[in-house]
C-alpha atoms as a PDB file:
ATOM      1  CA  MET A   1     -17.305  10.310   4.688  1.00  0.00           C
ATOM      2  CA  ASN A   2     -16.980   6.482   4.290  1.00  0.00           C
ATOM      3  CA  ALA A   3     -13.872   4.872   3.095  1.00  0.00           C
ATOM      4  CA  PRO A   4     -14.175   3.089  -0.240  1.00  0.00           C
ATOM      5  CA  ILE A   5     -15.231  -0.546  -0.238  1.00  0.00           C
ATOM      6  CA  ARG A   6     -12.739  -3.110  -1.537  1.00  0.00           C
ATOM      7  CA  PRO A   7     -15.235  -5.736  -2.689  1.00  0.00           C
ATOM      8  CA  ASN A   8     -14.306  -9.260  -3.489  1.00  0.00           C
ATOM      9  CA  PRO A   9     -17.236 -10.974  -5.289  1.00  0.00           C
ATOM     10  CA  SER A  10     -15.651 -14.385  -4.503  1.00  0.00           C
ATOM     11  CA  LEU A  11     -16.410 -13.967  -0.821  1.00  0.00           C
ATOM     12  CA  ARG A  12     -19.842 -15.265  -0.132  1.00  0.00           C
ATOM     13  CA  LEU A  13     -21.197 -15.882   3.440  1.00  0.00           C
ATOM     14  CA  GLU A  14     -22.924 -18.992   2.208  1.00  0.00           C
ATOM     15  CA  ASP A  15     -19.636 -20.631   1.577  1.00  0.00           C
ATOM     16  CA  TYR A  16     -18.743 -20.565   5.298  1.00  0.00           C
ATOM     17  CA  PRO A  17     -20.413 -23.501   7.122  1.00  0.00           C
ATOM     18  CA  PHE A  18     -20.189 -22.080  10.673  1.00  0.00           C
ATOM     19  CA  ARG A  19     -21.765 -18.764  11.300  1.00  0.00           C
ATOM     20  CA  LEU A  20     -22.553 -16.520  14.172  1.00  0.00           C
ATOM     21  CA  THR A  21     -24.351 -13.264  14.491  1.00  0.00           C
ATOM     22  CA  ASP A  22     -23.095 -10.495  16.904  1.00  0.00           C
ATOM     23  CA  ASN A  23     -23.586  -6.824  17.504  1.00  0.00           C
ATOM     24  CA  VAL A  24     -21.206  -3.897  17.063  1.00  0.00           C
ATOM     25  CA  ARG A  25     -20.512  -2.473  20.455  1.00  0.00           C
ATOM     26  CA  TYR A  26     -19.967   1.245  21.001  1.00  0.00           C
ATOM     27  CA  SER A  27     -16.588   0.354  22.614  1.00  0.00           C
ATOM     28  CA  ASP A  28     -15.536  -1.263  19.211  1.00  0.00           C
ATOM     29  CA  LEU A  29     -15.324   2.188  17.607  1.00  0.00           C
ATOM     30  CA  ASP A  30     -12.209   4.252  17.104  1.00  0.00           C
ATOM     31  CA  PRO A  31     -12.044   8.091  16.860  1.00  0.00           C
ATOM     32  CA  ASN A  32     -13.122   7.718  13.164  1.00  0.00           C
ATOM     33  CA  LYS A  33     -16.433   6.250  14.557  1.00  0.00           C
ATOM     34  CA  HIS A  34     -15.921   2.989  12.721  1.00  0.00           C
ATOM     35  CA  VAL A  35     -14.966  -0.435  14.084  1.00  0.00           C
ATOM     36  CA  ASN A  36     -11.280  -0.339  15.043  1.00  0.00           C
ATOM     37  CA  ASN A  37      -9.088  -2.618  12.999  1.00  0.00           C
ATOM     38  CA  ALA A  38      -7.752  -4.421  16.115  1.00  0.00           C
ATOM     39  CA  VAL A  39     -11.332  -5.306  17.173  1.00  0.00           C
ATOM     40  CA  TYR A  40     -11.711  -7.455  13.994  1.00  0.00           C
ATOM     41  CA  SER A  41      -9.088  -9.989  15.531  1.00  0.00           C
ATOM     42  CA  THR A  42     -11.399 -10.380  18.483  1.00  0.00           C
ATOM     43  CA  TYR A  43     -14.444 -10.934  16.167  1.00  0.00           C
ATOM     44  CA  PHE A  44     -12.386 -13.640  14.274  1.00  0.00           C
ATOM     45  CA  GLU A  45     -11.145 -15.185  17.569  1.00  0.00           C
ATOM     46  CA  THR A  46     -14.793 -15.461  18.843  1.00  0.00           C
ATOM     47  CA  SER A  47     -15.939 -17.297  15.748  1.00  0.00           C
ATOM     48  CA  ARG A  48     -12.949 -19.688  15.710  1.00  0.00           C
ATOM     49  CA  VAL A  49     -13.160 -20.391  19.420  1.00  0.00           C
ATOM     50  CA  THR A  50     -16.883 -20.991  19.378  1.00  0.00           C
ATOM     51  CA  LEU A  51     -16.554 -23.467  16.650  1.00  0.00           C
ATOM     52  CA  LEU A  52     -13.664 -25.296  18.291  1.00  0.00           C
ATOM     53  CA  ARG A  53     -14.853 -25.260  21.873  1.00  0.00           C
ATOM     54  CA  SER A  54     -18.547 -25.106  21.921  1.00  0.00           C
ATOM     55  CA  GLY A  55     -20.842 -28.023  21.822  1.00  0.00           C
ATOM     56  CA  ASP A  56     -20.145 -31.654  21.202  1.00  0.00           C
ATOM     57  CA  ARG A  57     -18.207 -31.226  18.049  1.00  0.00           C
ATOM     58  CA  GLY A  58     -15.216 -33.024  19.302  1.00  0.00           C
ATOM     59  CA  LEU A  59     -12.762 -30.555  17.936  1.00  0.00           C
ATOM     60  CA  MET A  60     -11.025 -29.841  21.320  1.00  0.00           C
ATOM     61  CA  PRO A  61      -9.787 -33.238  22.385  1.00  0.00           C
ATOM     62  CA  LYS A  62      -8.971 -33.657  26.125  1.00  0.00           C
ATOM     63  CA  GLY A  63      -5.354 -32.727  26.942  1.00  0.00           C
ATOM     64  CA  LEU A  64      -4.902 -30.834  23.688  1.00  0.00           C
ATOM     65  CA  SER A  65      -5.357 -27.214  22.730  1.00  0.00           C
ATOM     66  CA  TRP A  66      -5.390 -25.028  19.611  1.00  0.00           C
ATOM     67  CA  MET A  67      -2.779 -22.213  19.273  1.00  0.00           C
ATOM     68  CA  VAL A  68      -2.922 -19.539  16.653  1.00  0.00           C
ATOM     69  CA  VAL A  69       0.354 -19.203  14.729  1.00  0.00           C
ATOM     70  CA  HIS A  70      -0.709 -16.962  11.875  1.00  0.00           C
ATOM     71  CA  LEU A  71      -3.426 -14.372  11.509  1.00  0.00           C
ATOM     72  CA  ALA A  72      -3.768 -12.182   8.311  1.00  0.00           C
ATOM     73  CA  ILE A  73      -6.647  -9.770   7.958  1.00  0.00           C
ATOM     74  CA  ASP A  74      -7.875  -7.837   4.963  1.00  0.00           C
ATOM     75  CA  PHE A  75     -10.040  -4.904   5.789  1.00  0.00           C
ATOM     76  CA  ARG A  76     -12.564  -4.290   3.106  1.00  0.00           C
ATOM     77  CA  ALA A  77     -15.137  -1.823   4.231  1.00  0.00           C
ATOM     78  CA  GLU A  78     -16.072   0.246   7.249  1.00  0.00           C
ATOM     79  CA  MET A  79     -18.524  -1.095   9.991  1.00  0.00           C
ATOM     80  CA  HIS A  80     -20.429   1.221  12.291  1.00  0.00           C
ATOM     81  CA  TRP A  81     -22.426   1.313  15.475  1.00  0.00           C
ATOM     82  CA  PRO A  82     -25.190   0.584  15.935  1.00  0.00           C
ATOM     83  CA  GLY A  83     -25.604  -2.529  13.868  1.00  0.00           C
ATOM     84  CA  SER A  84     -25.179  -6.276  13.663  1.00  0.00           C
ATOM     85  CA  PHE A  85     -22.966  -8.457  11.581  1.00  0.00           C
ATOM     86  CA  GLU A  86     -22.415 -12.147  10.755  1.00  0.00           C
ATOM     87  CA  LEU A  87     -19.165 -14.059  11.198  1.00  0.00           C
ATOM     88  CA  GLY A  88     -18.446 -16.936   8.758  1.00  0.00           C
ATOM     89  CA  VAL A  89     -15.812 -19.561   9.376  1.00  0.00           C
ATOM     90  CA  GLY A  90     -14.579 -22.520   7.141  1.00  0.00           C
ATOM     91  CA  VAL A  91     -11.721 -24.789   7.310  1.00  0.00           C
ATOM     92  CA  SER A  92      -9.665 -24.270   4.113  1.00  0.00           C
ATOM     93  CA  LYS A  93      -6.870 -26.868   4.850  1.00  0.00           C
ATOM     94  CA  LEU A  94      -5.968 -29.502   7.407  1.00  0.00           C
ATOM     95  CA  GLY A  95      -2.212 -30.092   7.772  1.00  0.00           C
ATOM     96  CA  ARG A  96      -0.322 -32.670   9.768  1.00  0.00           C
ATOM     97  CA  THR A  97      -0.654 -30.711  13.009  1.00  0.00           C
ATOM     98  CA  SER A  98      -2.701 -27.710  11.800  1.00  0.00           C
ATOM     99  CA  ALA A  99      -5.978 -26.329  10.675  1.00  0.00           C
ATOM    100  CA  ARG A 100      -6.291 -23.318   8.384  1.00  0.00           C
ATOM    101  CA  PHE A 101      -9.437 -21.328   8.687  1.00  0.00           C
ATOM    102  CA  ALA A 102     -10.857 -18.874   6.183  1.00  0.00           C
ATOM    103  CA  GLN A 103     -13.006 -16.251   7.869  1.00  0.00           C
ATOM    104  CA  VAL A 104     -15.238 -13.263   7.009  1.00  0.00           C
ATOM    105  CA  VAL A 105     -17.243 -10.559   8.631  1.00  0.00           C
ATOM    106  CA  PHE A 106     -20.383  -9.452   6.702  1.00  0.00           C
ATOM    107  CA  ALA A 107     -22.598  -6.454   7.629  1.00  0.00           C
ATOM    108  CA  GLY A 108     -25.621  -7.043   5.494  1.00  0.00           C
ATOM    109  CA  ASP A 109     -24.403  -7.917   2.032  1.00  0.00           C
ATOM    110  CA  VAL A 110     -21.004  -6.217   2.457  1.00  0.00           C
ATOM    111  CA  CYS A 111     -17.951  -8.149   3.510  1.00  0.00           C
ATOM    112  CA  THR A 112     -16.168  -5.843   5.705  1.00  0.00           C
ATOM    113  CA  ALA A 113     -13.151  -7.925   6.524  1.00  0.00           C
ATOM    114  CA  SER A 114     -11.696 -11.390   5.725  1.00  0.00           C
ATOM    115  CA  ALA A 115      -8.914 -13.342   7.419  1.00  0.00           C
ATOM    116  CA  GLU A 116      -6.946 -16.407   7.305  1.00  0.00           C
ATOM    117  CA  ALA A 117      -5.815 -18.085  10.568  1.00  0.00           C
ATOM    118  CA  VAL A 118      -3.699 -20.979  11.026  1.00  0.00           C
ATOM    119  CA  THR A 119      -3.950 -22.901  14.344  1.00  0.00           C
ATOM    120  CA  VAL A 120      -1.655 -25.730  15.553  1.00  0.00           C
ATOM    121  CA  LEU A 121      -2.834 -28.549  17.790  1.00  0.00           C
ATOM    122  CA  VAL A 122      -0.578 -28.707  20.848  1.00  0.00           C
ATOM    123  CA  ASP A 123      -0.275 -31.060  23.794  1.00  0.00           C
ATOM    124  CA  ALA A 124      -1.352 -29.105  26.890  1.00  0.00           C
ATOM    125  CA  ALA A 125       1.445 -30.709  29.013  1.00  0.00           C
ATOM    126  CA  THR A 126       4.459 -30.599  26.649  1.00  0.00           C
ATOM    127  CA  ARG A 127       3.320 -27.540  24.615  1.00  0.00           C
ATOM    128  CA  LYS A 128       4.558 -29.377  21.495  1.00  0.00           C
ATOM    129  CA  PRO A 129       2.655 -29.695  18.209  1.00  0.00           C
ATOM    130  CA  THR A 130       0.540 -32.913  17.975  1.00  0.00           C
ATOM    131  CA  PRO A 131      -0.577 -34.714  14.773  1.00  0.00           C
ATOM    132  CA  LEU A 132      -4.235 -34.599  13.864  1.00  0.00           C
ATOM    133  CA  THR A 133      -5.801 -37.992  14.368  1.00  0.00           C
ATOM    134  CA  PRO A 134      -8.135 -39.507  11.907  1.00  0.00           C
ATOM    135  CA  ASP A 135     -11.029 -38.900  14.437  1.00  0.00           C
ATOM    136  CA  ILE A 136     -10.282 -35.202  14.495  1.00  0.00           C
ATOM    137  CA  ILE A 137      -9.888 -34.947  10.765  1.00  0.00           C
ATOM    138  CA  GLU A 138     -13.225 -36.666  10.429  1.00  0.00           C
ATOM    139  CA  ARG A 139     -14.893 -34.310  12.924  1.00  0.00           C
ATOM    140  CA  PHE A 140     -13.736 -31.320  10.801  1.00  0.00           C
ATOM    141  CA  GLN A 141     -15.400 -32.471   7.637  1.00  0.00           C
ATOM    142  CA  PRO A 142     -18.762 -30.598   8.181  1.00  0.00           C
ATOM    143  CA  TRP A 143     -16.806 -27.393   8.620  1.00  0.00           C
ATOM    144  CA  LEU A 144     -14.782 -27.415   5.355  1.00  0.00           C
ATOM    145  CA  LEU A 145     -15.011 -24.370   3.240  1.00  0.00           C
ATOM    146  CA  ARG A 146     -17.596 -24.848   0.567  1.00  0.00           C
ATOM    147  CA  VAL A 147     -15.560 -23.172  -2.333  1.00  0.00           C
END
């Protein structure tokens, strides 16, 4: 039997400007035969890291790194194998040294989980928080959450 869905009609995949498609792996399942809650943090990490590090977006300046300081996940519905899903990411707030991400996982039309992650930009050598430059802030503009 499936657990009840905790829908949130305000969560719409189209509001998240960066999206990836992935597959549920058999190894993602727990003894209840649904995706284990701990696996969702890996899904969310995959989408954030892909946005920050892939391509020529300029979101990972040389000598700097992003460090997660907060991750909160709401589990909304079960997800099963076999199947595919979409990950959505949007930047909901830029701080002095941080970026706050809103993230979702959708299996078809159902949001199975949502998350908020806060990352801090740190100097790779000193490991100290580093202010976002105007250039970095400008490069984040296409990835702002659309709500």
